[in-house]
N, C-alpha and C. Protein backbone atom coordinates (compact mmCIF):
# COMPACT_ATOMS: atom_id res chain seq x y z
N UNK A 1 -28.79 -58.19 12.48
CA UNK A 1 -29.72 -57.91 11.42
C UNK A 1 -28.93 -57.05 10.31
N UNK A 2 -29.39 -57.15 9.09
CA UNK A 2 -28.77 -56.49 7.94
C UNK A 2 -29.57 -55.27 7.65
N UNK A 3 -28.98 -54.16 7.26
CA UNK A 3 -29.61 -52.95 6.95
C UNK A 3 -29.18 -52.49 5.55
N UNK A 4 -30.05 -52.00 4.69
CA UNK A 4 -29.83 -51.64 3.39
C UNK A 4 -30.08 -50.12 3.20
N UNK A 5 -29.05 -49.49 2.71
CA UNK A 5 -29.14 -48.00 2.69
C UNK A 5 -28.02 -47.58 1.62
N UNK A 6 -28.27 -46.37 1.07
CA UNK A 6 -27.38 -45.79 0.12
C UNK A 6 -26.90 -44.44 0.65
N UNK A 7 -25.53 -44.25 0.50
CA UNK A 7 -25.00 -42.88 0.78
C UNK A 7 -24.46 -42.27 -0.52
N UNK A 8 -24.89 -41.04 -0.73
CA UNK A 8 -24.38 -40.36 -1.88
C UNK A 8 -23.52 -39.19 -1.53
N UNK A 9 -22.46 -39.01 -2.25
CA UNK A 9 -21.45 -38.10 -1.90
C UNK A 9 -21.04 -37.21 -3.16
N UNK A 10 -20.59 -35.91 -2.89
CA UNK A 10 -20.01 -35.11 -3.85
C UNK A 10 -18.55 -35.27 -3.57
N UNK A 11 -17.79 -35.38 -4.80
CA UNK A 11 -16.32 -35.62 -4.53
C UNK A 11 -15.54 -34.28 -4.93
N UNK A 12 -14.45 -34.12 -4.31
CA UNK A 12 -13.47 -33.06 -4.66
C UNK A 12 -12.80 -33.47 -6.04
N UNK A 13 -12.30 -32.50 -6.70
CA UNK A 13 -11.74 -32.84 -8.06
C UNK A 13 -10.61 -33.78 -7.99
N UNK A 14 -9.86 -33.70 -6.91
CA UNK A 14 -8.70 -34.54 -6.70
C UNK A 14 -9.03 -36.03 -6.37
N UNK A 15 -10.30 -36.22 -6.00
CA UNK A 15 -10.78 -37.55 -5.70
C UNK A 15 -11.69 -38.31 -6.67
N UNK A 16 -11.54 -37.99 -7.91
CA UNK A 16 -12.45 -38.44 -8.98
C UNK A 16 -11.81 -39.60 -9.83
N UNK A 17 -10.67 -40.14 -9.34
CA UNK A 17 -10.02 -41.36 -9.99
C UNK A 17 -10.83 -42.55 -9.39
N UNK A 18 -11.78 -43.19 -10.28
CA UNK A 18 -12.55 -44.22 -9.78
C UNK A 18 -11.94 -45.41 -9.23
N UNK A 19 -10.91 -45.88 -10.01
CA UNK A 19 -10.26 -47.11 -9.58
C UNK A 19 -9.60 -46.99 -8.22
N UNK A 20 -8.97 -45.85 -7.98
CA UNK A 20 -8.39 -45.58 -6.68
C UNK A 20 -9.35 -45.38 -5.61
N UNK A 21 -10.44 -44.84 -5.92
CA UNK A 21 -11.48 -44.71 -4.89
C UNK A 21 -12.12 -46.08 -4.48
N UNK A 22 -12.36 -46.92 -5.44
CA UNK A 22 -12.90 -48.30 -5.13
C UNK A 22 -11.91 -49.05 -4.24
N UNK A 23 -10.66 -48.94 -4.55
CA UNK A 23 -9.56 -49.67 -3.88
C UNK A 23 -9.55 -49.07 -2.41
N UNK A 24 -9.54 -47.75 -2.18
CA UNK A 24 -9.53 -47.08 -0.89
C UNK A 24 -10.74 -47.48 -0.06
N UNK A 25 -11.79 -47.50 -0.74
CA UNK A 25 -13.10 -47.76 0.06
C UNK A 25 -13.11 -49.24 0.51
N UNK A 26 -12.69 -50.20 -0.21
CA UNK A 26 -12.54 -51.55 0.14
C UNK A 26 -11.52 -51.66 1.30
N UNK A 27 -10.45 -51.00 1.23
CA UNK A 27 -9.46 -51.06 2.35
C UNK A 27 -10.07 -50.41 3.70
N UNK A 28 -10.93 -49.52 3.48
CA UNK A 28 -11.53 -48.82 4.65
C UNK A 28 -12.70 -49.54 5.29
N UNK A 29 -13.16 -50.71 4.62
CA UNK A 29 -14.14 -51.43 5.20
C UNK A 29 -15.44 -51.36 4.44
N UNK A 30 -15.48 -50.84 3.36
CA UNK A 30 -16.68 -50.67 2.55
C UNK A 30 -16.88 -51.76 1.54
N UNK A 31 -16.41 -52.87 1.79
CA UNK A 31 -16.53 -54.04 0.84
C UNK A 31 -17.95 -54.67 0.92
N UNK A 32 -18.79 -54.13 1.75
CA UNK A 32 -20.28 -54.49 1.77
C UNK A 32 -21.12 -53.58 0.97
N UNK A 33 -20.49 -52.72 0.20
CA UNK A 33 -21.21 -51.81 -0.68
C UNK A 33 -21.04 -51.99 -2.05
N UNK A 34 -22.03 -51.75 -2.89
CA UNK A 34 -21.89 -51.63 -4.39
C UNK A 34 -21.66 -50.17 -4.68
N UNK A 35 -20.63 -49.85 -5.49
CA UNK A 35 -20.21 -48.48 -5.72
C UNK A 35 -20.65 -48.07 -7.10
N UNK A 36 -21.31 -46.94 -7.21
CA UNK A 36 -21.75 -46.39 -8.38
C UNK A 36 -20.98 -45.12 -8.66
N UNK A 37 -20.49 -44.84 -9.86
CA UNK A 37 -19.70 -43.67 -10.23
C UNK A 37 -20.13 -43.04 -11.61
N UNK A 38 -21.52 -43.21 -11.85
CA UNK A 38 -22.03 -42.82 -13.18
C UNK A 38 -22.12 -41.26 -13.31
N UNK A 39 -22.23 -40.47 -12.26
CA UNK A 39 -22.26 -39.00 -12.42
C UNK A 39 -20.93 -38.47 -12.12
N UNK A 40 -20.51 -37.58 -12.97
CA UNK A 40 -19.15 -36.96 -12.70
C UNK A 40 -19.11 -36.19 -11.43
N UNK A 41 -18.04 -36.38 -10.60
CA UNK A 41 -17.90 -35.64 -9.40
C UNK A 41 -18.67 -36.27 -8.18
N UNK A 42 -19.39 -37.42 -8.47
CA UNK A 42 -20.32 -37.96 -7.36
C UNK A 42 -19.96 -39.45 -7.32
N UNK A 43 -20.31 -40.09 -6.10
CA UNK A 43 -20.29 -41.33 -5.89
C UNK A 43 -21.46 -41.85 -5.06
N UNK A 44 -21.86 -43.07 -5.36
CA UNK A 44 -23.06 -43.61 -4.54
C UNK A 44 -22.62 -44.98 -4.02
N UNK A 45 -22.85 -45.29 -2.80
CA UNK A 45 -22.56 -46.52 -2.13
C UNK A 45 -23.82 -47.14 -1.70
N UNK A 46 -24.20 -48.23 -2.20
CA UNK A 46 -25.43 -49.02 -1.78
C UNK A 46 -24.89 -50.13 -0.79
N UNK A 47 -25.12 -49.92 0.45
CA UNK A 47 -24.66 -50.81 1.49
C UNK A 47 -25.68 -51.91 1.96
N UNK A 48 -25.32 -53.02 2.27
CA UNK A 48 -26.04 -54.04 2.96
C UNK A 48 -25.11 -54.35 4.18
N UNK A 49 -25.32 -53.78 5.38
CA UNK A 49 -24.40 -53.79 6.45
C UNK A 49 -25.12 -54.48 7.72
N UNK A 50 -24.41 -55.39 8.23
CA UNK A 50 -24.83 -56.07 9.45
C UNK A 50 -24.60 -55.22 10.64
N UNK A 51 -25.55 -55.00 11.42
CA UNK A 51 -25.37 -54.21 12.76
C UNK A 51 -26.61 -54.40 13.72
N UNK A 52 -26.43 -54.00 14.92
CA UNK A 52 -27.38 -54.13 15.93
C UNK A 52 -28.63 -53.27 15.68
N UNK A 53 -28.46 -52.08 14.96
CA UNK A 53 -29.52 -51.20 14.63
C UNK A 53 -29.17 -50.36 13.40
N UNK A 54 -30.15 -49.75 12.88
CA UNK A 54 -29.93 -48.94 11.62
C UNK A 54 -28.95 -47.78 11.91
N UNK A 55 -29.05 -47.19 13.05
CA UNK A 55 -28.19 -46.06 13.33
C UNK A 55 -26.69 -46.40 13.31
N UNK A 56 -26.40 -47.47 14.03
CA UNK A 56 -25.00 -47.92 14.12
C UNK A 56 -24.66 -48.46 12.72
N UNK A 57 -25.37 -48.98 11.86
CA UNK A 57 -24.98 -49.45 10.56
C UNK A 57 -24.58 -48.26 9.70
N UNK A 58 -25.49 -47.17 9.70
CA UNK A 58 -25.16 -45.93 8.94
C UNK A 58 -23.98 -45.25 9.48
N UNK A 59 -23.83 -45.08 10.77
CA UNK A 59 -22.76 -44.31 11.40
C UNK A 59 -21.36 -45.06 11.01
N UNK A 60 -21.35 -46.31 11.15
CA UNK A 60 -20.15 -46.96 10.77
C UNK A 60 -19.72 -46.87 9.29
N UNK A 61 -20.76 -46.98 8.46
CA UNK A 61 -20.53 -46.71 7.00
C UNK A 61 -20.07 -45.26 6.76
N UNK A 62 -20.63 -44.35 7.39
CA UNK A 62 -20.19 -42.90 7.26
C UNK A 62 -18.69 -42.75 7.70
N UNK A 63 -18.30 -43.34 8.78
CA UNK A 63 -16.87 -43.30 9.32
C UNK A 63 -16.01 -44.01 8.32
N UNK A 64 -16.46 -45.16 7.75
CA UNK A 64 -15.59 -45.86 6.78
C UNK A 64 -15.34 -45.09 5.60
N UNK A 65 -16.44 -44.40 5.07
CA UNK A 65 -16.29 -43.64 3.81
C UNK A 65 -15.34 -42.44 4.11
N UNK A 66 -15.63 -41.74 5.21
CA UNK A 66 -14.83 -40.58 5.58
C UNK A 66 -13.28 -40.97 5.67
N UNK A 67 -13.00 -42.11 6.23
CA UNK A 67 -11.63 -42.56 6.38
C UNK A 67 -11.02 -42.79 4.96
N UNK A 68 -11.74 -43.26 4.05
CA UNK A 68 -11.25 -43.51 2.76
C UNK A 68 -11.10 -42.33 1.83
N UNK A 69 -12.10 -41.48 1.97
CA UNK A 69 -12.24 -40.20 1.15
C UNK A 69 -12.46 -38.99 2.02
N UNK A 70 -11.41 -38.36 2.49
CA UNK A 70 -11.44 -37.30 3.42
C UNK A 70 -12.23 -36.16 2.98
N UNK A 71 -12.26 -35.79 1.66
CA UNK A 71 -12.85 -34.61 1.09
C UNK A 71 -14.29 -34.96 0.65
N UNK A 72 -14.84 -36.07 0.85
CA UNK A 72 -16.16 -36.47 0.39
C UNK A 72 -17.28 -35.70 1.19
N UNK A 73 -18.21 -35.12 0.51
CA UNK A 73 -19.30 -34.30 1.17
C UNK A 73 -20.48 -35.09 0.91
N UNK A 74 -21.12 -35.53 2.08
CA UNK A 74 -22.37 -36.29 2.10
C UNK A 74 -23.47 -35.44 1.47
N UNK A 75 -24.28 -35.95 0.56
CA UNK A 75 -25.39 -35.13 0.01
C UNK A 75 -26.74 -35.81 0.23
N UNK A 76 -26.70 -37.11 0.42
CA UNK A 76 -28.05 -37.84 0.62
C UNK A 76 -27.86 -39.21 1.19
N UNK A 77 -28.72 -39.61 2.11
CA UNK A 77 -28.90 -40.99 2.65
C UNK A 77 -30.24 -41.43 2.30
N UNK A 78 -30.31 -42.63 1.58
CA UNK A 78 -31.64 -43.10 1.16
C UNK A 78 -31.91 -44.57 1.40
N UNK A 79 -33.28 -44.91 1.43
CA UNK A 79 -33.56 -46.29 1.52
C UNK A 79 -33.06 -47.08 2.70
N UNK A 80 -33.44 -46.52 3.96
CA UNK A 80 -33.00 -47.23 5.16
C UNK A 80 -34.05 -48.32 5.52
N UNK A 81 -33.58 -49.58 5.28
CA UNK A 81 -34.45 -50.72 5.55
C UNK A 81 -33.68 -51.86 6.17
N UNK A 82 -34.44 -52.66 6.83
CA UNK A 82 -33.77 -53.87 7.41
C UNK A 82 -34.04 -54.94 6.44
N UNK A 83 -32.99 -55.86 6.21
CA UNK A 83 -33.15 -56.87 5.23
C UNK A 83 -33.38 -58.23 5.88
């Protein structure tokens, strides 16, 4: 089943280069997310992730983002739905 959710993060100053972030996120497995960088110092990732349940979908996305951006601080998880 697919789950749709958004993770919003506060970024450290050294992690605000958008092109590098997008590349690192794709390499870390976040290629199932649409990435938004409209607010300075923040990033939002809208995922549609296949998983057995919502918890495992979110946890795997959290791990992937943390692998790509070590200094990212999670500020919000929104719109947890099955698609």
